Amino acid sequence: KAYTPEMAQNISKKLLAKSELLVNELNKRLQQDSIKLAEEE
């Protein structure tokens, strides 16, 4: 919800971009942890 249509859409786009960035960061951390664990083994 926002007081202008443009602001509502801009906030939605920003939330979508931040969520995708979070998913990519989680994926990257999991991959790095897997590689690190395999290397230690």
Full PDB file with SEQRES, HELIX, SHEET, SSBOND, CRYST1, ORIGX, SCALE, CONECT and MASTER records, all heavy atoms in Angstrom:
SEQRES   1 A   41  LYS ALA TYR THR PRO GLU MET ALA GLN ASN ILE SER LYS          
SEQRES   2 A   41  LYS LEU LEU ALA LYS SER GLU LEU LEU VAL ASN GLU LEU          
SEQRES   3 A   41  ASN LYS ARG LEU GLN GLN ASP SER ILE LYS LEU ALA GLU          
SEQRES   4 A   41  GLU GLU                                                      
HELIX    1 AA1 PRO A    5  GLU A   40  1                                  36    
CRYST1    1.000    1.000    1.000  90.00  90.00  90.00 P 1           1          
ORIGX1      1.000000  0.000000  0.000000        0.00000                         
ORIGX2      0.000000  1.000000  0.000000        0.00000                         
ORIGX3      0.000000  0.000000  1.000000        0.00000                         
SCALE1      1.000000  0.000000  0.000000        0.00000                         
SCALE2      0.000000  1.000000  0.000000        0.00000                         
SCALE3      0.000000  0.000000  1.000000        0.00000                         
ATOM      1  N   LYS A   1       0.847  -1.193   0.000  1.00  0.00           N  
ATOM      2  CA  LYS A   1       0.000   0.000   0.000  1.00  0.00           C  
ATOM      3  C   LYS A   1       0.881   1.241   0.000  1.00  0.00           C  
ATOM      4  O   LYS A   1       1.883   1.310   0.710  1.00  0.00           O  
ATOM      5  CB  LYS A   1      -0.904   0.039   1.236  1.00  0.00           C  
ATOM      6  CG  LYS A   1      -1.832  -1.143   1.387  1.00  0.00           C  
ATOM      7  CD  LYS A   1      -2.743  -0.918   2.587  1.00  0.00           C  
ATOM      8  CE  LYS A   1      -3.538  -2.157   2.921  1.00  0.00           C  
ATOM      9  NZ  LYS A   1      -2.702  -3.236   3.506  1.00  0.00           N  
ATOM     10  N   ALA A   2       0.464   2.245  -0.764  1.00  0.00           N  
ATOM     11  CA  ALA A   2       1.154   3.536  -0.797  1.00  0.00           C  
ATOM     12  C   ALA A   2       0.149   4.594  -1.220  1.00  0.00           C  
ATOM     13  O   ALA A   2      -0.930   4.300  -1.752  1.00  0.00           O  
ATOM     14  CB  ALA A   2       2.354   3.511  -1.731  1.00  0.00           C  
ATOM     15  N   TYR A   3       0.533   5.857  -0.999  1.00  0.00           N  
ATOM     16  CA  TYR A   3      -0.396   6.948  -1.310  1.00  0.00           C  
ATOM     17  C   TYR A   3      -0.386   7.310  -2.790  1.00  0.00           C  
ATOM     18  O   TYR A   3      -1.257   8.062  -3.235  1.00  0.00           O  
ATOM     19  CB  TYR A   3      -0.043   8.180  -0.479  1.00  0.00           C  
ATOM     20  CG  TYR A   3      -0.360   8.006   0.994  1.00  0.00           C  
ATOM     21  CD1 TYR A   3       0.646   7.900   1.927  1.00  0.00           C  
ATOM     22  CD2 TYR A   3      -1.677   7.943   1.436  1.00  0.00           C  
ATOM     23  CE1 TYR A   3       0.372   7.732   3.275  1.00  0.00           C  
ATOM     24  CE2 TYR A   3      -1.978   7.779   2.782  1.00  0.00           C  
ATOM     25  CZ  TYR A   3      -0.943   7.676   3.695  1.00  0.00           C  
ATOM     26  OH  TYR A   3      -1.221   7.507   5.022  1.00  0.00           O  
ATOM     27  N   THR A   4       0.569   6.829  -3.563  1.00  0.00           N  
ATOM     28  CA  THR A   4       0.612   7.053  -5.011  1.00  0.00           C  
ATOM     29  C   THR A   4       0.834   5.711  -5.706  1.00  0.00           C  
ATOM     30  O   THR A   4       1.518   4.838  -5.165  1.00  0.00           O  
ATOM     31  CB  THR A   4       1.737   8.020  -5.397  1.00  0.00           C  
ATOM     32  OG1 THR A   4       2.998   7.480  -4.989  1.00  0.00           O  
ATOM     33  CG2 THR A   4       1.528   9.375  -4.728  1.00  0.00           C  
ATOM     34  N   PRO A   5       0.276   5.546  -6.907  1.00  0.00           N  
ATOM     35  CA  PRO A   5       0.467   4.270  -7.612  1.00  0.00           C  
ATOM     36  C   PRO A   5       1.934   3.997  -7.923  1.00  0.00           C  
ATOM     37  O   PRO A   5       2.386   2.849  -7.847  1.00  0.00           O  
ATOM     38  CB  PRO A   5      -0.359   4.452  -8.891  1.00  0.00           C  
ATOM     39  CG  PRO A   5      -1.332   5.547  -8.581  1.00  0.00           C  
ATOM     40  CD  PRO A   5      -0.634   6.450  -7.612  1.00  0.00           C  
ATOM     41  N   GLU A   6       2.681   5.040  -8.293  1.00  0.00           N  
ATOM     42  CA  GLU A   6       4.083   4.852  -8.652  1.00  0.00           C  
ATOM     43  C   GLU A   6       4.910   4.378  -7.458  1.00  0.00           C  
ATOM     44  O   GLU A   6       5.763   3.483  -7.592  1.00  0.00           O  
ATOM     45  CB  GLU A   6       4.671   6.144  -9.216  1.00  0.00           C  
ATOM     46  CG  GLU A   6       4.078   6.587 -10.546  1.00  0.00           C  
ATOM     47  CD  GLU A   6       2.711   7.230 -10.399  1.00  0.00           C  
ATOM     48  OE1 GLU A   6       2.329   7.517  -9.232  1.00  0.00           O  
ATOM     49  OE2 GLU A   6       2.017   7.417 -11.417  1.00  0.00           O  
ATOM     50  N   MET A   7       4.659   4.971  -6.287  1.00  0.00           N  
ATOM     51  CA  MET A   7       5.408   4.561  -5.108  1.00  0.00           C  
ATOM     52  C   MET A   7       5.078   3.118  -4.728  1.00  0.00           C  
ATOM     53  O   MET A   7       5.975   2.341  -4.338  1.00  0.00           O  
ATOM     54  CB  MET A   7       5.104   5.497  -3.944  1.00  0.00           C  
ATOM     55  CG  MET A   7       5.821   5.126  -2.655  1.00  0.00           C  
ATOM     56  SD  MET A   7       7.619   5.083  -2.802  1.00  0.00           S  
ATOM     57  CE  MET A   7       7.981   6.843  -2.825  1.00  0.00           C  
ATOM     58  N   ALA A   8       3.827   2.727  -4.837  1.00  0.00           N  
ATOM     59  CA  ALA A   8       3.451   1.340  -4.527  1.00  0.00           C  
ATOM     60  C   ALA A   8       4.160   0.363  -5.455  1.00  0.00           C  
ATOM     61  O   ALA A   8       4.686  -0.667  -5.013  1.00  0.00           O  
ATOM     62  CB  ALA A   8       1.933   1.177  -4.632  1.00  0.00           C  
ATOM     63  N   GLN A   9       4.218   0.687  -6.738  1.00  0.00           N  
ATOM     64  CA  GLN A   9       4.894  -0.204  -7.683  1.00  0.00           C  
ATOM     65  C   GLN A   9       6.409  -0.217  -7.451  1.00  0.00           C  
ATOM     66  O   GLN A   9       7.050  -1.272  -7.527  1.00  0.00           O  
ATOM     67  CB  GLN A   9       4.594   0.217  -9.114  1.00  0.00           C  
ATOM     68  CG  GLN A   9       5.115  -0.760 -10.158  1.00  0.00           C  
ATOM     69  CD  GLN A   9       4.875  -0.288 -11.565  1.00  0.00           C  
ATOM     70  OE1 GLN A   9       4.946   0.916 -11.849  1.00  0.00           O  
ATOM     71  NE2 GLN A   9       4.573  -1.215 -12.468  1.00  0.00           N  
ATOM     72  N   ASN A  10       6.981   0.945  -7.163  1.00  0.00           N  
ATOM     73  CA  ASN A  10       8.428   1.006  -6.922  1.00  0.00           C  
ATOM     74  C   ASN A  10       8.828   0.200  -5.687  1.00  0.00           C  
ATOM     75  O   ASN A  10       9.859  -0.490  -5.677  1.00  0.00           O  
ATOM     76  CB  ASN A  10       8.869   2.460  -6.771  1.00  0.00           C  
ATOM     77  CG  ASN A  10       8.758   3.228  -8.074  1.00  0.00           C  
ATOM     78  OD1 ASN A  10       8.796   2.634  -9.158  1.00  0.00           O  
ATOM     79  ND2 ASN A  10       8.603   4.538  -7.983  1.00  0.00           N  
ATOM     80  N   ILE A  11       8.018   0.300  -4.627  1.00  0.00           N  
ATOM     81  CA  ILE A  11       8.317  -0.491  -3.419  1.00  0.00           C  
ATOM     82  C   ILE A  11       8.215  -1.973  -3.728  1.00  0.00           C  
ATOM     83  O   ILE A  11       9.053  -2.777  -3.284  1.00  0.00           O  
ATOM     84  CB  ILE A  11       7.369  -0.092  -2.273  1.00  0.00           C  
ATOM     85  CG1 ILE A  11       7.628   1.362  -1.849  1.00  0.00           C  
ATOM     86  CG2 ILE A  11       7.553  -1.018  -1.077  1.00  0.00           C  
ATOM     87  CD1 ILE A  11       6.668   1.868  -0.797  1.00  0.00           C  
ATOM     88  N   SER A  12       7.215  -2.379  -4.508  1.00  0.00           N  
ATOM     89  CA  SER A  12       7.060  -3.789  -4.866  1.00  0.00           C  
ATOM     90  C   SER A  12       8.264  -4.284  -5.665  1.00  0.00           C  
ATOM     91  O   SER A  12       8.787  -5.382  -5.419  1.00  0.00           O  
ATOM     92  CB  SER A  12       5.775  -3.991  -5.670  1.00  0.00           C  
ATOM     93  OG  SER A  12       4.638  -3.656  -4.898  1.00  0.00           O  
ATOM     94  N   LYS A  13       8.710  -3.482  -6.621  1.00  0.00           N  
ATOM     95  CA  LYS A  13       9.885  -3.874  -7.421  1.00  0.00           C  
ATOM     96  C   LYS A  13      11.127  -3.996  -6.542  1.00  0.00           C  
ATOM     97  O   LYS A  13      11.939  -4.918  -6.720  1.00  0.00           O  
ATOM     98  CB  LYS A  13      10.121  -2.851  -8.525  1.00  0.00           C  
ATOM     99  CG  LYS A  13       9.086  -2.882  -9.643  1.00  0.00           C  
ATOM    100  CD  LYS A  13       9.421  -1.867 -10.720  1.00  0.00           C  
ATOM    101  CE  LYS A  13       8.422  -1.934 -11.871  1.00  0.00           C  
ATOM    102  NZ  LYS A  13       8.736  -0.930 -12.922  1.00  0.00           N  
ATOM    103  N   LYS A  14      11.267  -3.077  -5.613  1.00  0.00           N  
ATOM    104  CA  LYS A  14      12.431  -3.114  -4.739  1.00  0.00           C  
ATOM    105  C   LYS A  14      12.379  -4.351  -3.826  1.00  0.00           C  
ATOM    106  O   LYS A  14      13.417  -4.999  -3.590  1.00  0.00           O  
ATOM    107  CB  LYS A  14      12.491  -1.835  -3.907  1.00  0.00           C  
ATOM    108  CG  LYS A  14      13.781  -1.648  -3.143  1.00  0.00           C  
ATOM    109  CD  LYS A  14      14.977  -1.570  -4.078  1.00  0.00           C  
ATOM    110  CE  LYS A  14      14.887  -0.378  -5.021  1.00  0.00           C  
ATOM    111  NZ  LYS A  14      16.092  -0.275  -5.873  1.00  0.00           N  
ATOM    112  N   LEU A  15      11.204  -4.675  -3.328  1.00  0.00           N  
ATOM    113  CA  LEU A  15      11.073  -5.873  -2.498  1.00  0.00           C  
ATOM    114  C   LEU A  15      11.379  -7.138  -3.292  1.00  0.00           C  
ATOM    115  O   LEU A  15      12.020  -8.064  -2.786  1.00  0.00           O  
ATOM    116  CB  LEU A  15       9.657  -5.956  -1.917  1.00  0.00           C  
ATOM    117  CG  LEU A  15       9.239  -4.865  -0.939  1.00  0.00           C  
ATOM    118  CD1 LEU A  15       7.830  -5.119  -0.439  1.00  0.00           C  
ATOM    119  CD2 LEU A  15      10.195  -4.781   0.227  1.00  0.00           C  
ATOM    120  N   LEU A  16      10.949  -7.174  -4.552  1.00  0.00           N  
ATOM    121  CA  LEU A  16      11.234  -8.331  -5.402  1.00  0.00           C  
ATOM    122  C   LEU A  16      12.737  -8.467  -5.649  1.00  0.00           C  
ATOM    123  O   LEU A  16      13.291  -9.570  -5.580  1.00  0.00           O  
ATOM    124  CB  LEU A  16      10.482  -8.191  -6.720  1.00  0.00           C  
ATOM    125  CG  LEU A  16      10.620  -9.357  -7.701  1.00  0.00           C  
ATOM    126  CD1 LEU A  16      10.043 -10.634  -7.107  1.00  0.00           C  
ATOM    127  CD2 LEU A  16       9.923  -9.030  -9.021  1.00  0.00           C  
ATOM    128  N   ALA A  17      13.403  -7.332  -5.916  1.00  0.00           N  
ATOM    129  CA  ALA A  17      14.849  -7.372  -6.158  1.00  0.00           C  
ATOM    130  C   ALA A  17      15.612  -7.786  -4.908  1.00  0.00           C  
ATOM    131  O   ALA A  17      16.561  -8.596  -4.971  1.00  0.00           O  
ATOM    132  CB  ALA A  17      15.321  -6.002  -6.642  1.00  0.00           C  
ATOM    133  N   LYS A  18      15.206  -7.260  -3.749  1.00  0.00           N  
ATOM    134  CA  LYS A  18      15.886  -7.623  -2.500  1.00  0.00           C  
ATOM    135  C   LYS A  18      15.660  -9.094  -2.162  1.00  0.00           C  
ATOM    136  O   LYS A  18      16.569  -9.775  -1.650  1.00  0.00           O  
ATOM    137  CB  LYS A  18      15.373  -6.745  -1.360  1.00  0.00           C  
ATOM    138  CG  LYS A  18      15.701  -5.263  -1.509  1.00  0.00           C  
ATOM    139  CD  LYS A  18      17.189  -5.009  -1.452  1.00  0.00           C  
ATOM    140  CE  LYS A  18      17.500  -3.528  -1.541  1.00  0.00           C  
ATOM    141  NZ  LYS A  18      18.957  -3.256  -1.528  1.00  0.00           N  
ATOM    142  N   SER A  19      14.469  -9.614  -2.440  1.00  0.00           N  
ATOM    143  CA  SER A  19      14.190 -11.026  -2.167  1.00  0.00           C  
ATOM    144  C   SER A  19      15.030 -11.933  -3.068  1.00  0.00           C  
ATOM    145  O   SER A  19      15.567 -12.948  -2.619  1.00  0.00           O  
ATOM    146  CB  SER A  19      12.706 -11.316  -2.383  1.00  0.00           C  
ATOM    147  OG  SER A  19      11.902 -10.543  -1.503  1.00  0.00           O  
ATOM    148  N   GLU A  20      15.146 -11.566  -4.329  1.00  0.00           N  
ATOM    149  CA  GLU A  20      15.982 -12.350  -5.238  1.00  0.00           C  
ATOM    150  C   GLU A  20      17.441 -12.302  -4.824  1.00  0.00           C  
ATOM    151  O   GLU A  20      18.153 -13.314  -4.899  1.00  0.00           O  
ATOM    152  CB  GLU A  20      15.819 -11.829  -6.663  1.00  0.00           C  
ATOM    153  CG  GLU A  20      16.533 -12.669  -7.709  1.00  0.00           C  
ATOM    154  CD  GLU A  20      16.216 -12.230  -9.123  1.00  0.00           C  
ATOM    155  OE1 GLU A  20      15.550 -11.183  -9.280  1.00  0.00           O  
ATOM    156  OE2 GLU A  20      16.638 -12.918 -10.059  1.00  0.00           O  
ATOM    157  N   LEU A  21      17.894 -11.131  -4.386  1.00  0.00           N  
ATOM    158  CA  LEU A  21      19.273 -11.015  -3.903  1.00  0.00           C  
ATOM    159  C   LEU A  21      19.498 -11.895  -2.670  1.00  0.00           C  
ATOM    160  O   LEU A  21      20.564 -12.526  -2.529  1.00  0.00           O  
ATOM    161  CB  LEU A  21      19.576  -9.556  -3.581  1.00  0.00           C  
ATOM    162  CG  LEU A  21      21.018  -9.221  -3.163  1.00  0.00           C  
ATOM    163  CD1 LEU A  21      21.977  -9.529  -4.308  1.00  0.00           C  
ATOM    164  CD2 LEU A  21      21.127  -7.757  -2.761  1.00  0.00           C  
ATOM    165  N   LEU A  22      18.502 -11.957  -1.789  1.00  0.00           N  
ATOM    166  CA  LEU A  22      18.612 -12.809  -0.600  1.00  0.00           C  
ATOM    167  C   LEU A  22      18.703 -14.280  -0.991  1.00  0.00           C  
ATOM    168  O   LEU A  22      19.521 -15.029  -0.443  1.00  0.00           O  
ATOM    169  CB  LEU A  22      17.404 -12.574   0.308  1.00  0.00           C  
ATOM    170  CG  LEU A  22      17.311 -13.488   1.537  1.00  0.00           C  
ATOM    171  CD1 LEU A  22      18.461 -13.213   2.497  1.00  0.00           C  
ATOM    172  CD2 LEU A  22      15.973 -13.317   2.238  1.00  0.00           C  
ATOM    173  N   VAL A  23      17.886 -14.718  -1.951  1.00  0.00           N  
ATOM    174  CA  VAL A  23      17.908 -16.116  -2.391  1.00  0.00           C  
ATOM    175  C   VAL A  23      19.266 -16.452  -3.003  1.00  0.00           C  
ATOM    176  O   VAL A  23      19.839 -17.520  -2.740  1.00  0.00           O  
ATOM    177  CB  VAL A  23      16.768 -16.373  -3.393  1.00  0.00           C  
ATOM    178  CG1 VAL A  23      16.896 -17.755  -4.011  1.00  0.00           C  
ATOM    179  CG2 VAL A  23      15.419 -16.248  -2.701  1.00  0.00           C  
ATOM    180  N   ASN A  24      19.789 -15.548  -3.827  1.00  0.00           N  
ATOM    181  CA  ASN A  24      21.101 -15.785  -4.433  1.00  0.00           C  
ATOM    182  C   ASN A  24      22.201 -15.843  -3.374  1.00  0.00           C  
ATOM    183  O   ASN A  24      23.141 -16.649  -3.483  1.00  0.00           O  
ATOM    184  CB  ASN A  24      21.417 -14.685  -5.446  1.00  0.00           C  
ATOM    185  CG  ASN A  24      20.474 -14.718  -6.637  1.00  0.00           C  
ATOM    186  OD1 ASN A  24      19.899 -15.761  -6.959  1.00  0.00           O  
ATOM    187  ND2 ASN A  24      20.281 -13.581  -7.284  1.00  0.00           N  
ATOM    188  N   GLU A  25      22.083 -15.010  -2.360  1.00  0.00           N  
ATOM    189  CA  GLU A  25      23.088 -15.003  -1.301  1.00  0.00           C  
ATOM    190  C   GLU A  25      23.026 -16.311  -0.500  1.00  0.00           C  
ATOM    191  O   GLU A  25      24.070 -16.899  -0.166  1.00  0.00           O  
ATOM    192  CB  GLU A  25      22.860 -13.809  -0.375  1.00  0.00           C  
ATOM    193  CG  GLU A  25      23.910 -13.640   0.707  1.00  0.00           C  
ATOM    194  CD  GLU A  25      25.272 -13.286   0.162  1.00  0.00           C  
ATOM    195  OE1 GLU A  25      25.344 -12.766  -0.978  1.00  0.00           O  
ATOM    196  OE2 GLU A  25      26.269 -13.520   0.865  1.00  0.00           O  
ATOM    197  N   LEU A  26      21.823 -16.768  -0.214  1.00  0.00           N  
ATOM    198  CA  LEU A  26      21.680 -18.050   0.480  1.00  0.00           C  
ATOM    199  C   LEU A  26      22.242 -19.191  -0.358  1.00  0.00           C  
ATOM    200  O   LEU A  26      22.930 -20.082   0.164  1.00  0.00           O  
ATOM    201  CB  LEU A  26      20.206 -18.310   0.798  1.00  0.00           C  
ATOM    202  CG  LEU A  26      19.553 -17.409   1.857  1.00  0.00           C  
ATOM    203  CD1 LEU A  26      18.065 -17.711   1.940  1.00  0.00           C  
ATOM    204  CD2 LEU A  26      20.207 -17.594   3.209  1.00  0.00           C  
ATOM    205  N   ASN A  27      21.941 -19.160  -1.663  1.00  0.00           N  
ATOM    206  CA  ASN A  27      22.451 -20.196  -2.550  1.00  0.00           C  
ATOM    207  C   ASN A  27      23.973 -20.173  -2.604  1.00  0.00           C  
ATOM    208  O   ASN A  27      24.638 -21.222  -2.567  1.00  0.00           O  
ATOM    209  CB  ASN A  27      21.865 -19.985  -3.945  1.00  0.00           C  
ATOM    210  CG  ASN A  27      22.284 -21.063  -4.921  1.00  0.00           C  
ATOM    211  OD1 ASN A  27      21.841 -22.199  -4.826  1.00  0.00           O  
ATOM    212  ND2 ASN A  27      23.142 -20.722  -5.866  1.00  0.00           N  
ATOM    213  N   LYS A  28      24.543 -18.982  -2.655  1.00  0.00           N  
ATOM    214  CA  LYS A  28      26.002 -18.849  -2.703  1.00  0.00           C  
ATOM    215  C   LYS A  28      26.641 -19.355  -1.415  1.00  0.00           C  
ATOM    216  O   LYS A  28      27.671 -20.043  -1.442  1.00  0.00           O  
ATOM    217  CB  LYS A  28      26.366 -17.383  -2.939  1.00  0.00           C  
ATOM    218  CG  LYS A  28      27.851 -17.130  -3.098  1.00  0.00           C  
ATOM    219  CD  LYS A  28      28.118 -15.660  -3.380  1.00  0.00           C  
ATOM    220  CE  LYS A  28      29.613 -15.393  -3.508  1.00  0.00           C  
ATOM    221  NZ  LYS A  28      29.881 -13.946  -3.765  1.00  0.00           N  
ATOM    222  N   ARG A  29      26.048 -19.037  -0.298  1.00  0.00           N  
ATOM    223  CA  ARG A  29      26.599 -19.507   0.984  1.00  0.00           C  
ATOM    224  C   ARG A  29      26.544 -21.022   1.093  1.00  0.00           C  
ATOM    225  O   ARG A  29      27.495 -21.653   1.569  1.00  0.00           O  
ATOM    226  CB  ARG A  29      25.829 -18.866   2.136  1.00  0.00           C  
ATOM    227  CG  ARG A  29      26.100 -17.386   2.319  1.00  0.00           C  
ATOM    228  CD  ARG A  29      25.352 -16.860   3.519  1.00  0.00           C  
ATOM    229  NE  ARG A  29      25.581 -15.430   3.707  1.00  0.00           N  
ATOM    230  CZ  ARG A  29      25.034 -14.708   4.683  1.00  0.00           C  
ATOM    231  NH1 ARG A  29      24.236 -15.298   5.569  1.00  0.00           N  
ATOM    232  NH2 ARG A  29      25.283 -13.419   4.783  1.00  0.00           N  
ATOM    233  N   LEU A  30      25.445 -21.618   0.666  1.00  0.00           N  
ATOM    234  CA  LEU A  30      25.331 -23.069   0.712  1.00  0.00           C  
ATOM    235  C   LEU A  30      26.382 -23.733  -0.170  1.00  0.00           C  
ATOM    236  O   LEU A  30      26.993 -24.739   0.210  1.00  0.00           O  
ATOM    237  CB  LEU A  30      23.924 -23.501   0.272  1.00  0.00           C  
ATOM    238  CG  LEU A  30      22.782 -23.172   1.243  1.00  0.00           C  
ATOM    239  CD1 LEU A  30      21.441 -23.520   0.609  1.00  0.00           C  
ATOM    240  CD2 LEU A  30      22.954 -23.912   2.552  1.00  0.00           C  
ATOM    241  N   GLN A  31      26.594 -23.174  -1.348  1.00  0.00           N  
ATOM    242  CA  GLN A  31      27.598 -23.733  -2.254  1.00  0.00           C  
ATOM    243  C   GLN A  31      28.996 -23.589  -1.671  1.00  0.00           C  
ATOM    244  O   GLN A  31      29.810 -24.527  -1.735  1.00  0.00           O  
ATOM    245  CB  GLN A  31      27.509 -23.041  -3.609  1.00  0.00           C  
ATOM    246  CG  GLN A  31      26.242 -23.363  -4.382  1.00  0.00           C  
ATOM    247  CD  GLN A  31      26.088 -22.521  -5.619  1.00  0.00           C  
ATOM    248  OE1 GLN A  31      26.829 -21.558  -5.826  1.00  0.00           O  
ATOM    249  NE2 GLN A  31      25.139 -22.874  -6.473  1.00  0.00           N  
ATOM    250  N   GLN A  32      29.277 -22.427  -1.111  1.00  0.00           N  
ATOM    251  CA  GLN A  32      30.594 -22.235  -0.505  1.00  0.00           C  
ATOM    252  C   GLN A  32      30.818 -23.175   0.674  1.00  0.00           C  
ATOM    253  O   GLN A  32      31.910 -23.724   0.845  1.00  0.00           O  
ATOM    254  CB  GLN A  32      30.744 -20.773  -0.068  1.00  0.00           C  
ATOM    255  CG  GLN A  32      30.868 -19.796  -1.222  1.00  0.00           C  
ATOM    256  CD  GLN A  32      30.952 -18.354  -0.755  1.00  0.00           C  
ATOM    257  OE1 GLN A  32      30.753 -18.068   0.431  1.00  0.00           O  
ATOM    258  NE2 GLN A  32      31.244 -17.445  -1.664  1.00  0.00           N  
ATOM    259  N   ASP A  33      29.778 -23.351   1.479  1.00  0.00           N  
ATOM    260  CA  ASP A  33      29.900 -24.286   2.601  1.00  0.00           C  
ATOM    261  C   ASP A  33      30.115 -25.718   2.124  1.00  0.00           C  
ATOM    262  O   ASP A  33      30.904 -26.472   2.722  1.00  0.00           O  
ATOM    263  CB  ASP A  33      28.649 -24.212   3.479  1.00  0.00           C  
ATOM    264  CG  ASP A  33      28.528 -22.880   4.207  1.00  0.00           C  
ATOM    265  OD1 ASP A  33      29.552 -22.175   4.316  1.00  0.00           O  
ATOM    266  OD2 ASP A  33      27.417 -22.544   4.647  1.00  0.00           O  
ATOM    267  N   SER A  34      29.435 -26.114   1.035  1.00  0.00           N  
ATOM    268  CA  SER A  34      29.610 -27.469   0.506  1.00  0.00           C  
ATOM    269  C   SER A  34      31.028 -27.674  -0.014  1.00  0.00           C  
ATOM    270  O   SER A  34      31.657 -28.706   0.244  1.00  0.00           O  
ATOM    271  CB  SER A  34      28.595 -27.712  -0.616  1.00  0.00           C  
ATOM    272  OG  SER A  34      27.273 -27.599  -0.132  1.00  0.00           O  
ATOM    273  N   ILE A  35      31.536 -26.681  -0.735  1.00  0.00           N  
ATOM    274  CA  ILE A  35      32.904 -26.784  -1.267  1.00  0.00           C  
ATOM    275  C   ILE A  35      33.918 -26.820  -0.129  1.00  0.00           C  
ATOM    276  O   ILE A  35      34.875 -27.613  -0.147  1.00  0.00           O  
ATOM    277  CB  ILE A  35      33.185 -25.614  -2.223  1.00  0.00           C  
ATOM    278  CG1 ILE A  35      32.291 -25.719  -3.460  1.00  0.00           C  
ATOM    279  CG2 ILE A  35      34.655 -25.593  -2.635  1.00  0.00           C  
ATOM    280  CD1 ILE A  35      32.390 -24.529  -4.387  1.00  0.00           C  
ATOM    281  N   LYS A  36      33.706 -25.975   0.861  1.00  0.00           N  
ATOM    282  CA  LYS A  36      34.631 -25.941   1.998  1.00  0.00           C  
ATOM    283  C   LYS A  36      34.630 -27.265   2.751  1.00  0.00           C  
ATOM    284  O   LYS A  36      35.691 -27.784   3.139  1.00  0.00           O  
ATOM    285  CB  LYS A  36      34.248 -24.796   2.935  1.00  0.00           C  
ATOM    286  CG  LYS A  36      35.208 -24.585   4.086  1.00  0.00           C  
ATOM    287  CD  LYS A  36      34.782 -23.397   4.932  1.00  0.00           C  
ATOM    288  CE  LYS A  36      35.733 -23.202   6.102  1.00  0.00           C  
ATOM    289  NZ  LYS A  36      35.308 -22.061   6.959  1.00  0.00           N  
ATOM    290  N   LEU A  37      33.448 -27.830   2.977  1.00  0.00           N  
ATOM    291  CA  LEU A  37      33.359 -29.107   3.678  1.00  0.00           C  
ATOM    292  C   LEU A  37      34.027 -30.220   2.881  1.00  0.00           C  
ATOM    293  O   LEU A  37      34.756 -31.051   3.442  1.00  0.00           O  
ATOM    294  CB  LEU A  37      31.885 -29.449   3.930  1.00  0.00           C  
ATOM    295  CG  LEU A  37      31.610 -30.776   4.646  1.00  0.00           C  
ATOM    296  CD1 LEU A  37      32.253 -30.791   6.017  1.00  0.00           C  
ATOM    297  CD2 LEU A  37      30.109 -31.022   4.740  1.00  0.00           C  
ATOM    298  N   ALA A  38      33.784 -30.257   1.556  1.00  0.00           N  
ATOM    299  CA  ALA A  38      34.407 -31.282   0.725  1.00  0.00           C  
ATOM    300  C   ALA A  38      35.925 -31.135   0.709  1.00  0.00           C  
ATOM    301  O   ALA A  38      36.659 -32.135   0.738  1.00  0.00           O  
ATOM    302  CB  ALA A  38      33.855 -31.206  -0.693  1.00  0.00           C  
ATOM    303  N   GLU A  39      36.397 -29.908   0.673  1.00  0.00           N  
ATOM    304  CA  GLU A  39      37.844 -29.675   0.684  1.00  0.00           C  
ATOM    305  C   GLU A  39      38.461 -30.132   2.007  1.00  0.00           C  
ATOM    306  O   GLU A  39      39.559 -30.733   2.028  1.00  0.00           O  
ATOM    307  CB  GLU A  39      38.121 -28.197   0.453  1.00  0.00           C  
ATOM    308  CG  GLU A  39      39.592 -27.851   0.303  1.00  0.00           C  
ATOM    309  CD  GLU A  39      39.800 -26.379  -0.005  1.00  0.00           C  
ATOM    310  OE1 GLU A  39      38.800 -25.626  -0.027  1.00  0.00           O  
ATOM    311  OE2 GLU A  39      40.957 -25.981  -0.215  1.00  0.00           O  
ATOM    312  N   GLU A  40      37.798 -29.879   3.102  1.00  0.00           N  
ATOM    313  CA  GLU A  40      38.308 -30.336   4.396  1.00  0.00           C  
ATOM    314  C   GLU A  40      38.342 -31.860   4.474  1.00  0.00           C  
ATOM    315  O   GLU A  40      39.283 -32.443   5.037  1.00  0.00           O  
ATOM    316  CB  GLU A  40      37.435 -29.764   5.521  1.00  0.00           C  
ATOM    317  CG  GLU A  40      37.583 -28.257   5.701  1.00  0.00           C  
ATOM    318  CD  GLU A  40      36.669 -27.720   6.786  1.00  0.00           C  
ATOM    319  OE1 GLU A  40      35.858 -28.530   7.309  1.00  0.00           O  
ATOM    320  OE2 GLU A  40      36.764 -26.520   7.115  1.00  0.00           O  
ATOM    321  N   GLU A  41      37.332 -32.514   3.897  1.00  0.00           N  
ATOM    322  CA  GLU A  41      37.319 -33.981   3.894  1.00  0.00           C  
ATOM    323  C   GLU A  41      38.475 -34.529   3.064  1.00  0.00           C  
ATOM    324  O   GLU A  41      39.086 -35.552   3.424  1.00  0.00           O  
ATOM    325  CB  GLU A  41      35.983 -34.487   3.334  1.00  0.00           C  
ATOM    326  CG  GLU A  41      34.789 -34.246   4.250  1.00  0.00           C  
ATOM    327  CD  GLU A  41      34.910 -35.019   5.545  1.00  0.00           C  
ATOM    328  OE1 GLU A  41      35.467 -36.135   5.529  1.00  0.00           O  
ATOM    329  OE2 GLU A  41      34.447 -34.511   6.583  1.00  0.00           O  
TER     330      GLU A  41                                                      
MASTER        0    0    0    1    0    0    0    6  329    1    0    4          
END                                                                             
